[in-house]
Amino acid sequence: MSFFKTLFAALILGGSAAALAADTDTQFHLNELLSSDVTYQETWRDLVEDESRLPEWVMNLSGDARPMQGLEDDGDKYLVGQLCAVQNCFNQRLYTAFTWDKDTAYALYVQLPDGLPVGHVPSQHAILRWLGEPNEAVQTLLLEQLQKDPNWY
């Protein structure tokens, strides 16, 4: 009987995570998020207004984007997305996490030097810049998104 309870609990938890992800995967892309909801606009503006020397595509979230996903970490839910500079996706990337209540945003801006020679390890030449003072858990969440890229090592 214990086996069935464990199996049932695993199916429910897995289903919840899948439902959370399914709610956002097909609905949002980071480059469309600001136009989808004024709350996201205000939250992003609050994050970047005091930052210096950010490119226009970061300020406006106007690069190329992949579908966003809902992720949970220790009970906290985030809408997580990736964006990159048009025509320079490998060298200029942004990973974001918005709290589920849309009240706070965090970001990881990743820059690689142009013309990085073949054979050089991207992770050893990258400049990582945190936006929004994310705590360690959010930093880990965003770094995991970066590390999922097969070209990142």
C-alpha atoms as a PDB file:
ATOM      1  CA  MET A   1       0.000   0.000   0.000  1.00  0.00           C
ATOM      2  CA  SER A   2       2.877   2.381   0.762  1.00  0.00           C
ATOM      3  CA  PHE A   3       4.219   1.906  -2.774  1.00  0.00           C
ATOM      4  CA  PHE A   4       0.938   3.125  -4.275  1.00  0.00           C
ATOM      5  CA  LYS A   5       0.847   6.184  -1.998  1.00  0.00           C
ATOM      6  CA  THR A   6       4.399   7.062  -3.017  1.00  0.00           C
ATOM      7  CA  LEU A   7       3.616   6.555  -6.693  1.00  0.00           C
ATOM      8  CA  PHE A   8       0.453   8.635  -6.393  1.00  0.00           C
ATOM      9  CA  ALA A   9       2.332  11.474  -4.644  1.00  0.00           C
ATOM     10  CA  ALA A  10       5.046  11.433  -7.304  1.00  0.00           C
ATOM     11  CA  LEU A  11       2.457  11.633 -10.083  1.00  0.00           C
ATOM     12  CA  ILE A  12       0.676  14.547  -8.404  1.00  0.00           C
ATOM     13  CA  LEU A  13       3.900  16.492  -7.835  1.00  0.00           C
ATOM     14  CA  GLY A  14       5.150  15.810 -11.331  1.00  0.00           C
ATOM     15  CA  GLY A  15       1.802  16.813 -12.754  1.00  0.00           C
ATOM     16  CA  SER A  16       1.826  20.061 -10.782  1.00  0.00           C
ATOM     17  CA  ALA A  17       5.263  20.988 -12.096  1.00  0.00           C
ATOM     18  CA  ALA A  18       4.222  20.114 -15.626  1.00  0.00           C
ATOM     19  CA  ALA A  19       1.045  22.166 -15.277  1.00  0.00           C
ATOM     20  CA  LEU A  20       3.033  25.120 -13.968  1.00  0.00           C
ATOM     21  CA  ALA A  21       5.396  24.905 -16.919  1.00  0.00           C
ATOM     22  CA  ALA A  22       2.559  24.307 -19.394  1.00  0.00           C
ATOM     23  CA  ASP A  23       0.797  27.441 -18.173  1.00  0.00           C
ATOM     24  CA  THR A  24       3.699  29.593 -19.330  1.00  0.00           C
ATOM     25  CA  ASP A  25       5.672  27.705 -21.989  1.00  0.00           C
ATOM     26  CA  THR A  26       3.303  28.398 -24.849  1.00  0.00           C
ATOM     27  CA  GLN A  27       2.011  31.771 -23.676  1.00  0.00           C
ATOM     28  CA  PHE A  28       5.004  34.027 -23.097  1.00  0.00           C
ATOM     29  CA  HIS A  29       8.260  34.984 -24.722  1.00  0.00           C
ATOM     30  CA  LEU A  30      10.449  37.433 -22.867  1.00  0.00           C
ATOM     31  CA  ASN A  31      10.495  39.867 -25.792  1.00  0.00           C
ATOM     32  CA  GLU A  32       6.668  40.050 -25.625  1.00  0.00           C
ATOM     33  CA  LEU A  33       6.313  40.149 -21.848  1.00  0.00           C
ATOM     34  CA  LEU A  34       6.439  43.915 -21.340  1.00  0.00           C
ATOM     35  CA  SER A  35       3.629  44.489 -23.814  1.00  0.00           C
ATOM     36  CA  SER A  36       1.519  41.741 -22.255  1.00  0.00           C
ATOM     37  CA  ASP A  37       1.064  43.293 -18.802  1.00  0.00           C
ATOM     38  CA  VAL A  38       1.720  46.737 -17.337  1.00  0.00           C
ATOM     39  CA  THR A  39       2.871  45.142 -14.063  1.00  0.00           C
ATOM     40  CA  TYR A  40       5.732  43.401 -15.860  1.00  0.00           C
ATOM     41  CA  GLN A  41       6.638  46.751 -17.475  1.00  0.00           C
ATOM     42  CA  GLU A  42       6.817  48.491 -14.106  1.00  0.00           C
ATOM     43  CA  THR A  43       8.777  45.682 -12.475  1.00  0.00           C
ATOM     44  CA  TRP A  44      11.332  45.594 -15.290  1.00  0.00           C
ATOM     45  CA  ARG A  45      11.638  49.392 -15.331  1.00  0.00           C
ATOM     46  CA  ASP A  46      12.287  49.348 -11.579  1.00  0.00           C
ATOM     47  CA  LEU A  47      15.047  46.783 -12.106  1.00  0.00           C
ATOM     48  CA  VAL A  48      16.927  48.545 -14.895  1.00  0.00           C
ATOM     49  CA  GLU A  49      16.363  52.229 -14.072  1.00  0.00           C
ATOM     50  CA  ASP A  50      19.412  52.482 -11.806  1.00  0.00           C
ATOM     51  CA  GLU A  51      21.643  50.227 -13.903  1.00  0.00           C
ATOM     52  CA  SER A  52      24.288  51.836 -16.027  1.00  0.00           C
ATOM     53  CA  ARG A  53      25.570  50.930 -19.459  1.00  0.00           C
ATOM     54  CA  LEU A  54      23.008  48.333 -20.461  1.00  0.00           C
ATOM     55  CA  PRO A  55      22.333  47.889 -24.179  1.00  0.00           C
ATOM     56  CA  GLU A  56      19.006  48.961 -25.605  1.00  0.00           C
ATOM     57  CA  TRP A  57      17.848  45.362 -26.229  1.00  0.00           C
ATOM     58  CA  VAL A  58      18.290  44.588 -22.506  1.00  0.00           C
ATOM     59  CA  MET A  59      16.540  47.773 -21.371  1.00  0.00           C
ATOM     60  CA  ASN A  60      13.554  47.050 -23.638  1.00  0.00           C
ATOM     61  CA  LEU A  61      13.707  43.231 -23.681  1.00  0.00           C
ATOM     62  CA  SER A  62      13.718  43.407 -27.468  1.00  0.00           C
ATOM     63  CA  GLY A  63      16.074  40.606 -28.523  1.00  0.00           C
ATOM     64  CA  ASP A  64      15.400  37.063 -29.684  1.00  0.00           C
ATOM     65  CA  ALA A  65      13.570  35.011 -27.064  1.00  0.00           C
ATOM     66  CA  ARG A  66      12.774  31.422 -26.267  1.00  0.00           C
ATOM     67  CA  PRO A  67       9.500  30.404 -24.600  1.00  0.00           C
ATOM     68  CA  MET A  68       9.385  31.232 -20.903  1.00  0.00           C
ATOM     69  CA  GLN A  69       8.765  28.607 -18.280  1.00  0.00           C
ATOM     70  CA  GLY A  70       7.385  28.481 -14.778  1.00  0.00           C
ATOM     71  CA  LEU A  71       9.911  27.138 -12.278  1.00  0.00           C
ATOM     72  CA  GLU A  72       9.678  26.545  -8.572  1.00  0.00           C
ATOM     73  CA  ASP A  73      12.481  26.709  -6.022  1.00  0.00           C
ATOM     74  CA  ASP A  74      11.803  25.944  -2.352  1.00  0.00           C
ATOM     75  CA  GLY A  75       8.170  26.931  -2.735  1.00  0.00           C
ATOM     76  CA  ASP A  76       8.917  30.189  -4.582  1.00  0.00           C
ATOM     77  CA  LYS A  77       7.581  30.328  -8.129  1.00  0.00           C
ATOM     78  CA  TYR A  78       9.264  32.219 -10.953  1.00  0.00           C
ATOM     79  CA  LEU A  79       8.566  32.959 -14.580  1.00  0.00           C
ATOM     80  CA  VAL A  80      11.969  32.379 -16.183  1.00  0.00           C
ATOM     81  CA  GLY A  81      13.066  33.406 -19.630  1.00  0.00           C
ATOM     82  CA  GLN A  82      16.037  33.861 -21.923  1.00  0.00           C
ATOM     83  CA  LEU A  83      16.745  36.621 -24.388  1.00  0.00           C
ATOM     84  CA  CYS A  84      19.725  37.341 -26.604  1.00  0.00           C
ATOM     85  CA  ALA A  85      20.912  40.140 -28.832  1.00  0.00           C
ATOM     86  CA  VAL A  86      19.659  39.876 -32.398  1.00  0.00           C
ATOM     87  CA  GLN A  87      22.516  38.737 -34.677  1.00  0.00           C
ATOM     88  CA  ASN A  88      24.766  38.010 -31.655  1.00  0.00           C
ATOM     89  CA  CYS A  89      22.967  35.382 -29.614  1.00  0.00           C
ATOM     90  CA  PHE A  90      26.051  33.491 -28.500  1.00  0.00           C
ATOM     91  CA  ASN A  91      27.941  36.513 -27.189  1.00  0.00           C
ATOM     92  CA  GLN A  92      25.127  38.563 -25.620  1.00  0.00           C
ATOM     93  CA  ARG A  93      22.510  36.822 -23.458  1.00  0.00           C
ATOM     94  CA  LEU A  94      20.085  37.681 -20.706  1.00  0.00           C
ATOM     95  CA  TYR A  95      18.408  35.267 -18.304  1.00  0.00           C
ATOM     96  CA  THR A  96      15.519  36.604 -16.243  1.00  0.00           C
ATOM     97  CA  ALA A  97      13.339  35.476 -13.360  1.00  0.00           C
ATOM     98  CA  PHE A  98      10.144  37.285 -12.405  1.00  0.00           C
ATOM     99  CA  THR A  99       8.474  36.359  -9.135  1.00  0.00           C
ATOM    100  CA  TRP A 100       5.100  34.769  -9.680  1.00  0.00           C
ATOM    101  CA  ASP A 101       3.321  37.832  -8.236  1.00  0.00           C
ATOM    102  CA  LYS A 102       5.163  39.989 -10.842  1.00  0.00           C
ATOM    103  CA  ASP A 103       6.499  42.177  -8.032  1.00  0.00           C
ATOM    104  CA  THR A 104      10.240  41.514  -8.440  1.00  0.00           C
ATOM    105  CA  ALA A 105      12.566  40.717 -11.326  1.00  0.00           C
ATOM    106  CA  TYR A 106      16.137  39.451 -11.393  1.00  0.00           C
ATOM    107  CA  ALA A 107      18.489  38.966 -14.304  1.00  0.00           C
ATOM    108  CA  LEU A 108      21.819  37.542 -15.337  1.00  0.00           C
ATOM    109  CA  TYR A 109      23.461  39.416 -18.209  1.00  0.00           C
ATOM    110  CA  VAL A 110      26.145  37.293 -19.908  1.00  0.00           C
ATOM    111  CA  GLN A 111      28.713  38.774 -22.288  1.00  0.00           C
ATOM    112  CA  LEU A 112      31.400  36.981 -24.257  1.00  0.00           C
ATOM    113  CA  PRO A 113      34.102  38.736 -26.245  1.00  0.00           C
ATOM    114  CA  ASP A 114      33.436  38.938 -29.976  1.00  0.00           C
ATOM    115  CA  GLY A 115      35.616  36.629 -32.049  1.00  0.00           C
ATOM    116  CA  LEU A 116      36.333  34.137 -29.277  1.00  0.00           C
ATOM    117  CA  PRO A 117      38.678  31.628 -30.947  1.00  0.00           C
ATOM    118  CA  VAL A 118      37.495  28.066 -31.453  1.00  0.00           C
ATOM    119  CA  GLY A 119      38.611  25.890 -28.592  1.00  0.00           C
ATOM    120  CA  HIS A 120      38.412  28.605 -25.946  1.00  0.00           C
ATOM    121  CA  VAL A 121      36.024  27.707 -23.144  1.00  0.00           C
ATOM    122  CA  PRO A 122      33.158  30.256 -23.140  1.00  0.00           C
ATOM    123  CA  SER A 123      32.598  30.020 -19.385  1.00  0.00           C
ATOM    124  CA  GLN A 124      36.193  31.071 -18.719  1.00  0.00           C
ATOM    125  CA  HIS A 125      35.898  34.239 -20.822  1.00  0.00           C
ATOM    126  CA  ALA A 126      32.401  35.358 -19.888  1.00  0.00           C
ATOM    127  CA  ILE A 127      31.500  38.460 -17.950  1.00  0.00           C
ATOM    128  CA  LEU A 128      28.501  37.766 -15.708  1.00  0.00           C
ATOM    129  CA  ARG A 129      26.501  40.705 -14.400  1.00  0.00           C
ATOM    130  CA  TRP A 130      23.708  40.295 -11.884  1.00  0.00           C
ATOM    131  CA  LEU A 131      20.774  42.691 -12.021  1.00  0.00           C
ATOM    132  CA  GLY A 132      18.379  43.105  -9.116  1.00  0.00           C
ATOM    133  CA  GLU A 133      20.539  41.622  -6.348  1.00  0.00           C
ATOM    134  CA  PRO A 134      19.233  38.049  -6.569  1.00  0.00           C
ATOM    135  CA  ASN A 135      19.793  35.804  -3.569  1.00  0.00           C
ATOM    136  CA  GLU A 136      21.835  32.634  -3.884  1.00  0.00           C
ATOM    137  CA  ALA A 137      18.813  30.493  -4.792  1.00  0.00           C
ATOM    138  CA  VAL A 138      17.809  32.781  -7.670  1.00  0.00           C
ATOM    139  CA  GLN A 139      21.417  33.012  -8.848  1.00  0.00           C
ATOM    140  CA  THR A 140      21.565  29.220  -8.942  1.00  0.00           C
ATOM    141  CA  LEU A 141      18.262  29.090 -10.832  1.00  0.00           C
ATOM    142  CA  LEU A 142      19.527  31.498 -13.499  1.00  0.00           C
ATOM    143  CA  LEU A 143      22.955  29.874 -13.757  1.00  0.00           C
ATOM    144  CA  GLU A 144      21.244  26.515 -14.329  1.00  0.00           C
ATOM    145  CA  GLN A 145      19.432  28.053 -17.303  1.00  0.00           C
ATOM    146  CA  LEU A 146      22.746  29.242 -18.743  1.00  0.00           C
ATOM    147  CA  GLN A 147      24.384  25.862 -18.194  1.00  0.00           C
ATOM    148  CA  LYS A 148      21.621  24.110 -20.122  1.00  0.00           C
ATOM    149  CA  ASP A 149      22.991  25.632 -23.314  1.00  0.00           C
ATOM    150  CA  PRO A 150      24.941  22.860 -25.104  1.00  0.00           C
ATOM    151  CA  ASN A 151      27.510  25.449 -26.277  1.00  0.00           C
ATOM    152  CA  TRP A 152      28.250  26.566 -22.724  1.00  0.00           C
ATOM    153  CA  TYR A 153      31.054  24.673 -20.987  1.00  0.00           C
END
